[in-house]
């Protein structure tokens, strides 16, 4: 986990669930969004998850929350993370 977000795990999840992630351009764009968002869109707890899920079509808050450190989430965000991890298992 880099800086509180499991980029590798998230990218693998995207690859497993969406077509096109063999394309290096698409992977690069998503990695750049993650890097930018983690620097500029973490003004409060849950904010990064909201922002990234808004930027990526068909990705929901809980999808992002599953890969972020607990300390970056509110109580509601932690609940969403646990539900998503249970659903993924």
N, C-alpha and C. Protein backbone atom coordinates (compact mmCIF):
# COMPACT_ATOMS: atom_id res chain seq x y z
N UNK A 1 0.86 -1.18 0.00
CA UNK A 1 0.00 0.00 0.00
C UNK A 1 0.90 1.23 0.00
N UNK A 2 0.73 2.05 -1.01
CA UNK A 2 1.53 3.27 -1.15
C UNK A 2 0.72 4.46 -0.66
N UNK A 3 1.25 5.16 0.34
CA UNK A 3 0.60 6.37 0.87
C UNK A 3 -0.84 6.14 1.31
N UNK A 4 -1.16 4.94 1.75
CA UNK A 4 -2.50 4.69 2.25
C UNK A 4 -3.50 4.22 1.21
N UNK A 5 -3.04 3.93 0.00
CA UNK A 5 -3.94 3.42 -1.03
C UNK A 5 -3.25 2.29 -1.77
N UNK A 6 -3.93 1.16 -1.89
CA UNK A 6 -3.39 -0.02 -2.57
C UNK A 6 -3.61 0.12 -4.08
N UNK A 7 -2.70 0.87 -4.71
CA UNK A 7 -2.81 1.14 -6.15
C UNK A 7 -2.75 -0.17 -6.93
N UNK A 8 -1.82 -1.04 -6.58
CA UNK A 8 -1.66 -2.31 -7.30
C UNK A 8 -2.94 -3.14 -7.21
N UNK A 9 -3.49 -3.26 -6.01
CA UNK A 9 -4.72 -4.03 -5.83
C UNK A 9 -5.90 -3.42 -6.57
N UNK A 10 -6.00 -2.09 -6.53
CA UNK A 10 -7.09 -1.41 -7.22
C UNK A 10 -6.97 -1.60 -8.73
N UNK A 11 -5.77 -1.45 -9.26
CA UNK A 11 -5.57 -1.64 -10.70
C UNK A 11 -5.89 -3.07 -11.11
N UNK A 12 -5.52 -4.04 -10.29
CA UNK A 12 -5.84 -5.45 -10.57
C UNK A 12 -7.35 -5.66 -10.55
N UNK A 13 -8.02 -5.04 -9.59
CA UNK A 13 -9.48 -5.15 -9.52
C UNK A 13 -10.12 -4.55 -10.78
N UNK A 14 -9.64 -3.38 -11.21
CA UNK A 14 -10.16 -2.79 -12.44
C UNK A 14 -9.93 -3.72 -13.63
N UNK A 15 -8.73 -4.27 -13.73
CA UNK A 15 -8.40 -5.18 -14.84
C UNK A 15 -9.32 -6.40 -14.84
N UNK A 16 -9.62 -6.91 -13.66
CA UNK A 16 -10.48 -8.10 -13.55
C UNK A 16 -11.94 -7.81 -13.84
N UNK A 17 -12.36 -6.56 -13.68
CA UNK A 17 -13.77 -6.23 -13.78
C UNK A 17 -14.17 -5.38 -14.97
N UNK A 18 -13.21 -4.80 -15.67
CA UNK A 18 -13.52 -3.93 -16.81
C UNK A 18 -12.60 -4.26 -17.98
N UNK A 19 -13.13 -4.16 -19.16
CA UNK A 19 -12.34 -4.40 -20.38
C UNK A 19 -11.42 -3.21 -20.65
N UNK A 20 -10.30 -3.48 -21.30
CA UNK A 20 -9.43 -2.43 -21.79
C UNK A 20 -8.20 -2.14 -20.96
N UNK A 21 -8.06 -2.78 -19.81
CA UNK A 21 -6.94 -2.44 -18.93
C UNK A 21 -5.62 -3.07 -19.35
N UNK A 22 -5.64 -3.79 -20.47
CA UNK A 22 -4.38 -4.22 -21.05
C UNK A 22 -3.73 -3.06 -21.83
N UNK A 23 -4.49 -2.01 -22.05
CA UNK A 23 -4.02 -0.83 -22.76
C UNK A 23 -3.20 0.06 -21.81
N UNK A 24 -1.94 0.27 -22.14
CA UNK A 24 -1.06 1.04 -21.26
C UNK A 24 -1.50 2.50 -21.12
N UNK A 25 -2.13 3.07 -22.16
CA UNK A 25 -2.62 4.43 -22.07
C UNK A 25 -3.70 4.54 -20.99
N UNK A 26 -4.67 3.65 -21.03
CA UNK A 26 -5.75 3.67 -20.04
C UNK A 26 -5.20 3.46 -18.64
N UNK A 27 -4.31 2.50 -18.47
CA UNK A 27 -3.71 2.26 -17.16
C UNK A 27 -2.98 3.52 -16.66
N UNK A 28 -2.24 4.17 -17.57
CA UNK A 28 -1.52 5.38 -17.20
C UNK A 28 -2.44 6.51 -16.78
N UNK A 29 -3.55 6.67 -17.49
CA UNK A 29 -4.52 7.71 -17.13
C UNK A 29 -5.09 7.45 -15.74
N UNK A 30 -5.47 6.22 -15.47
CA UNK A 30 -6.04 5.89 -14.16
C UNK A 30 -4.99 6.08 -13.06
N UNK A 31 -3.76 5.65 -13.30
CA UNK A 31 -2.70 5.84 -12.31
C UNK A 31 -2.44 7.32 -12.06
N UNK A 32 -2.50 8.14 -13.11
CA UNK A 32 -2.33 9.59 -12.95
C UNK A 32 -3.49 10.20 -12.16
N UNK A 33 -4.71 9.73 -12.39
CA UNK A 33 -5.86 10.21 -11.62
C UNK A 33 -5.68 9.87 -10.15
N UNK A 34 -5.23 8.65 -9.87
CA UNK A 34 -5.01 8.26 -8.48
C UNK A 34 -3.95 9.14 -7.83
N UNK A 35 -2.85 9.35 -8.52
CA UNK A 35 -1.77 10.18 -7.97
C UNK A 35 -2.24 11.61 -7.72
N UNK A 36 -2.92 12.19 -8.71
CA UNK A 36 -3.43 13.55 -8.56
C UNK A 36 -4.44 13.63 -7.41
N UNK A 37 -5.40 12.71 -7.42
CA UNK A 37 -6.44 12.72 -6.41
C UNK A 37 -5.90 12.56 -5.00
N UNK A 38 -4.89 11.70 -4.86
CA UNK A 38 -4.35 11.49 -3.53
C UNK A 38 -3.61 12.72 -3.02
N UNK A 39 -3.06 13.50 -3.93
CA UNK A 39 -2.38 14.74 -3.53
C UNK A 39 -3.35 15.89 -3.27
N UNK A 40 -4.41 15.98 -4.09
CA UNK A 40 -5.25 17.18 -4.10
C UNK A 40 -6.70 16.98 -3.66
N UNK A 41 -7.16 15.76 -3.56
CA UNK A 41 -8.57 15.52 -3.28
C UNK A 41 -8.80 14.76 -1.97
N UNK A 42 -7.87 14.90 -1.03
CA UNK A 42 -8.03 14.28 0.28
C UNK A 42 -8.19 15.37 1.34
N UNK A 43 -9.09 16.28 1.09
CA UNK A 43 -9.28 17.40 2.00
C UNK A 43 -10.05 16.99 3.26
N UNK A 44 -10.74 15.87 3.20
CA UNK A 44 -11.44 15.33 4.36
C UNK A 44 -11.58 13.82 4.18
N UNK A 45 -11.96 13.15 5.25
CA UNK A 45 -12.15 11.71 5.16
C UNK A 45 -13.23 11.40 4.14
N UNK A 46 -13.08 10.31 3.43
CA UNK A 46 -13.98 9.84 2.38
C UNK A 46 -13.83 10.61 1.06
N UNK A 47 -13.25 11.80 1.09
CA UNK A 47 -13.25 12.67 -0.08
C UNK A 47 -12.58 12.03 -1.29
N UNK A 48 -11.42 11.40 -1.09
CA UNK A 48 -10.72 10.77 -2.22
C UNK A 48 -11.60 9.70 -2.88
N UNK A 49 -12.28 8.91 -2.08
CA UNK A 49 -13.14 7.85 -2.62
C UNK A 49 -14.28 8.43 -3.44
N UNK A 50 -14.90 9.51 -2.93
CA UNK A 50 -15.95 10.18 -3.70
C UNK A 50 -15.39 10.71 -5.01
N UNK A 51 -14.25 11.38 -4.93
CA UNK A 51 -13.67 12.02 -6.12
C UNK A 51 -13.31 10.98 -7.17
N UNK A 52 -12.58 9.92 -6.77
CA UNK A 52 -12.14 8.94 -7.76
C UNK A 52 -13.33 8.19 -8.35
N UNK A 53 -14.33 7.89 -7.54
CA UNK A 53 -15.50 7.20 -8.10
C UNK A 53 -16.29 8.12 -9.03
N UNK A 54 -16.24 9.42 -8.81
CA UNK A 54 -16.85 10.36 -9.75
C UNK A 54 -16.07 10.42 -11.07
N UNK A 55 -14.77 10.27 -11.00
CA UNK A 55 -13.91 10.37 -12.19
C UNK A 55 -13.95 9.11 -13.05
N UNK A 56 -14.21 7.95 -12.45
CA UNK A 56 -14.17 6.68 -13.18
C UNK A 56 -15.59 6.13 -13.35
N UNK A 57 -16.10 6.13 -14.57
CA UNK A 57 -17.45 5.61 -14.80
C UNK A 57 -17.59 4.17 -14.30
N UNK A 58 -18.73 3.87 -13.73
CA UNK A 58 -19.08 2.53 -13.24
C UNK A 58 -18.31 2.08 -12.00
N UNK A 59 -17.47 2.95 -11.45
CA UNK A 59 -16.78 2.65 -10.20
C UNK A 59 -17.52 3.38 -9.09
N UNK A 60 -17.88 2.66 -8.05
CA UNK A 60 -18.65 3.20 -6.94
C UNK A 60 -17.74 3.56 -5.76
N UNK A 61 -18.26 4.36 -4.85
CA UNK A 61 -17.53 4.75 -3.65
C UNK A 61 -16.93 3.54 -2.95
N UNK A 62 -17.73 2.53 -2.70
CA UNK A 62 -17.27 1.37 -1.94
C UNK A 62 -16.19 0.59 -2.68
N UNK A 63 -16.17 0.67 -4.01
CA UNK A 63 -15.11 0.02 -4.78
C UNK A 63 -13.75 0.64 -4.45
N UNK A 64 -13.71 1.96 -4.37
CA UNK A 64 -12.48 2.67 -4.04
C UNK A 64 -12.14 2.48 -2.56
N UNK A 65 -13.15 2.57 -1.70
CA UNK A 65 -12.94 2.45 -0.26
C UNK A 65 -12.30 1.12 0.11
N UNK A 66 -12.56 0.08 -0.65
CA UNK A 66 -11.99 -1.24 -0.36
C UNK A 66 -10.47 -1.25 -0.42
N UNK A 67 -9.88 -0.25 -1.05
CA UNK A 67 -8.43 -0.23 -1.26
C UNK A 67 -7.71 0.90 -0.52
N UNK A 68 -8.43 1.63 0.31
CA UNK A 68 -7.82 2.76 1.01
C UNK A 68 -7.65 2.43 2.50
N UNK A 69 -6.67 3.06 3.12
CA UNK A 69 -6.41 2.85 4.54
C UNK A 69 -7.61 3.31 5.37
N UNK A 70 -7.88 2.59 6.44
CA UNK A 70 -9.03 2.90 7.30
C UNK A 70 -9.01 4.33 7.82
N UNK A 71 -7.84 4.86 8.12
CA UNK A 71 -7.79 6.21 8.70
C UNK A 71 -8.22 7.31 7.72
N UNK A 72 -8.39 6.96 6.45
CA UNK A 72 -8.86 7.94 5.46
C UNK A 72 -10.38 7.91 5.30
N UNK A 73 -11.05 7.09 6.12
CA UNK A 73 -12.49 6.92 5.98
C UNK A 73 -13.24 7.32 7.25
N UNK A 74 -14.46 7.82 7.06
CA UNK A 74 -15.36 8.06 8.18
C UNK A 74 -15.95 6.73 8.63
N UNK A 75 -16.76 6.76 9.66
CA UNK A 75 -17.45 5.54 10.10
C UNK A 75 -18.30 4.94 8.99
N UNK A 76 -19.02 5.81 8.27
CA UNK A 76 -19.83 5.34 7.14
C UNK A 76 -18.94 4.75 6.04
N UNK A 77 -17.81 5.41 5.77
CA UNK A 77 -16.89 4.91 4.77
C UNK A 77 -16.33 3.55 5.14
N UNK A 78 -16.02 3.37 6.42
CA UNK A 78 -15.53 2.07 6.90
C UNK A 78 -16.58 0.98 6.72
N UNK A 79 -17.84 1.34 6.98
CA UNK A 79 -18.94 0.40 6.78
C UNK A 79 -19.04 0.00 5.31
N UNK A 80 -18.92 0.98 4.42
CA UNK A 80 -18.96 0.70 2.98
C UNK A 80 -17.79 -0.20 2.57
N UNK A 81 -16.61 0.08 3.12
CA UNK A 81 -15.43 -0.73 2.82
C UNK A 81 -15.65 -2.18 3.24
N UNK A 82 -16.14 -2.39 4.46
CA UNK A 82 -16.38 -3.75 4.95
C UNK A 82 -17.42 -4.47 4.11
N UNK A 83 -18.48 -3.77 3.72
CA UNK A 83 -19.50 -4.40 2.87
C UNK A 83 -18.90 -4.82 1.53
N UNK A 84 -18.07 -3.94 0.95
CA UNK A 84 -17.46 -4.25 -0.35
C UNK A 84 -16.49 -5.42 -0.22
N UNK A 85 -15.67 -5.43 0.83
CA UNK A 85 -14.74 -6.54 1.01
C UNK A 85 -15.48 -7.85 1.23
N UNK A 86 -16.59 -7.81 1.96
CA UNK A 86 -17.40 -9.02 2.13
C UNK A 86 -17.95 -9.49 0.80
N UNK A 87 -18.39 -8.54 -0.02
CA UNK A 87 -18.96 -8.85 -1.33
C UNK A 87 -17.91 -9.42 -2.27
N UNK A 88 -16.66 -8.96 -2.13
CA UNK A 88 -15.56 -9.41 -3.00
C UNK A 88 -15.08 -10.82 -2.62
N UNK A 89 -15.29 -11.20 -1.37
CA UNK A 89 -14.78 -12.49 -0.88
C UNK A 89 -15.52 -13.68 -1.46
